[in-house]
C-alpha cells in the first residue's frame, strides 16, 4: 500500500509541475482521462473539450487585445512625455535669449 500511495503522490506532483510549465509557456491544459473516452461518456467529453478550447481561445484573443491596448497607451504616454520635454526645453532656451 505504501508503494502505491507514494507512486500516486509522485505522479500527481509531476503532473502539476508539467502543468505549471506548460501554462508558463502560454499553453492551456485540458485533462481527459481514458475512462472519459469510452462510448458512454465520449460525446460528453468531446463537448467539454470543445467548450474549453473555445473559452481558452476567447481568453487568448482578449489577452492579445489587452496587450495591444497597453502598448498603444504606453506609446501615447511616451509621445506626450516627449512633447512636454520639448516644450520645456524650448521654454528654457527662450528664457535664456532674453
Protein backbone atom coordinates (compact mmCIF):
# COMPACT_ATOMS: atom_id res chain seq x y z
CA UNK A 1 0.00 0.00 0.00
CA UNK A 2 2.80 2.43 0.85
CA UNK A 3 4.34 1.86 -2.60
CA UNK A 4 1.14 2.84 -4.42
CA UNK A 5 0.47 5.82 -2.16
CA UNK A 6 3.97 7.16 -2.80
CA UNK A 7 3.78 6.42 -6.55
CA UNK A 8 0.46 8.23 -6.95
CA UNK A 9 1.75 11.20 -4.93
CA UNK A 10 4.87 11.43 -7.15
CA UNK A 11 2.74 11.21 -10.29
CA UNK A 12 0.46 13.97 -9.06
CA UNK A 13 3.42 16.21 -8.20
CA UNK A 14 4.99 15.55 -11.62
CA UNK A 15 1.72 16.25 -13.42
CA UNK A 16 1.22 19.53 -11.53
CA UNK A 17 4.77 20.63 -12.32
CA UNK A 18 4.35 19.83 -16.02
CA UNK A 19 1.01 21.66 -15.98
CA UNK A 20 2.65 24.77 -14.44
CA UNK A 21 5.47 24.66 -17.00
CA UNK A 22 3.03 24.43 -19.91
CA UNK A 23 0.90 27.28 -18.57
CA UNK A 24 4.02 29.40 -18.03
CA UNK A 25 4.70 28.98 -21.75
CA UNK A 26 1.19 30.15 -22.61
CA UNK A 27 -0.45 26.75 -23.10
CA UNK A 28 -3.85 25.87 -21.70
CA UNK A 29 -4.09 22.38 -20.23
CA UNK A 30 -7.17 20.22 -20.69
CA UNK A 31 -7.15 16.89 -18.92
CA UNK A 32 -9.00 13.97 -20.46
CA UNK A 33 -8.98 10.68 -18.62
CA UNK A 34 -9.00 7.45 -20.58
CA UNK A 35 -12.29 6.43 -18.98
CA UNK A 36 -13.88 9.61 -20.42
CA UNK A 37 -13.23 8.28 -23.94
CA UNK A 38 -15.43 5.21 -23.56
CA UNK A 39 -18.63 5.15 -25.61
CA UNK A 40 -20.77 6.06 -22.63
CA UNK A 41 -19.00 9.40 -22.00
CA UNK A 42 -17.29 10.09 -25.32
CA UNK A 43 -19.70 12.70 -26.71
CA UNK A 44 -19.93 14.49 -23.38
CA UNK A 45 -16.12 14.55 -23.16
CA UNK A 46 -15.79 15.89 -26.72
CA UNK A 47 -18.36 18.60 -25.92
CA UNK A 48 -16.46 19.57 -22.75
CA UNK A 49 -13.10 19.72 -24.53
CA UNK A 50 -14.59 21.73 -27.42
CA UNK A 51 -16.13 24.18 -24.95
CA UNK A 52 -12.82 24.56 -23.09
CA UNK A 53 -10.96 25.15 -26.36
CA UNK A 54 -13.43 27.88 -27.34
CA UNK A 55 -13.23 29.58 -23.93
CA UNK A 56 -9.44 29.35 -23.95
CA UNK A 57 -9.34 30.81 -27.46
CA UNK A 58 -11.53 33.71 -26.42
CA UNK A 59 -9.33 34.30 -23.36
CA UNK A 60 -6.22 34.18 -25.56
CA UNK A 61 -7.62 36.72 -28.01
CA UNK A 62 -8.73 39.01 -25.19
CA UNK A 63 -5.23 38.88 -23.68
CA UNK A 64 -3.72 39.79 -27.06
CA UNK A 65 -6.10 42.73 -27.43
CA UNK A 66 -5.33 43.86 -23.86
CA UNK A 67 -1.58 43.79 -24.58
CA UNK A 68 -2.08 45.74 -27.82
CA UNK A 69 -4.12 48.35 -25.95
CA UNK A 70 -1.47 48.62 -23.21
CA UNK A 71 1.31 49.05 -25.81
CA UNK A 72 -0.73 51.73 -27.60
CA UNK A 73 -1.34 53.56 -24.31
CA UNK A 74 2.38 53.38 -23.48
CA UNK A 75 3.29 54.83 -26.90
CA UNK A 76 0.84 57.69 -26.32
CA UNK A 77 2.32 58.33 -22.85
CA UNK A 78 5.84 58.39 -24.29
CA UNK A 79 4.80 60.80 -27.06
CA UNK A 80 3.16 63.10 -24.52
CA UNK A 81 6.23 62.94 -22.29
CA UNK A 82 8.48 63.78 -25.24
CA UNK A 83 6.24 66.71 -26.22
CA UNK A 84 6.36 68.05 -22.63
CA UNK A 85 10.15 67.74 -22.57
CA UNK A 86 10.47 69.52 -25.92
CA UNK A 87 8.15 72.30 -24.76
CA UNK A 88 10.15 72.70 -21.56
CA UNK A 89 13.45 72.80 -23.48
CA UNK A 90 12.02 75.39 -25.86
CA UNK A 91 10.86 77.47 -22.88
CA UNK A 92 14.30 77.23 -21.27
CA UNK A 93 16.04 78.23 -24.50
CA UNK A 94 13.62 81.13 -24.96
CA UNK A 95 14.21 82.38 -21.42
CA UNK A 96 17.97 82.36 -21.97
CA UNK A 97 17.69 84.53 -25.11
CA UNK A 98 16.35 87.47 -23.16
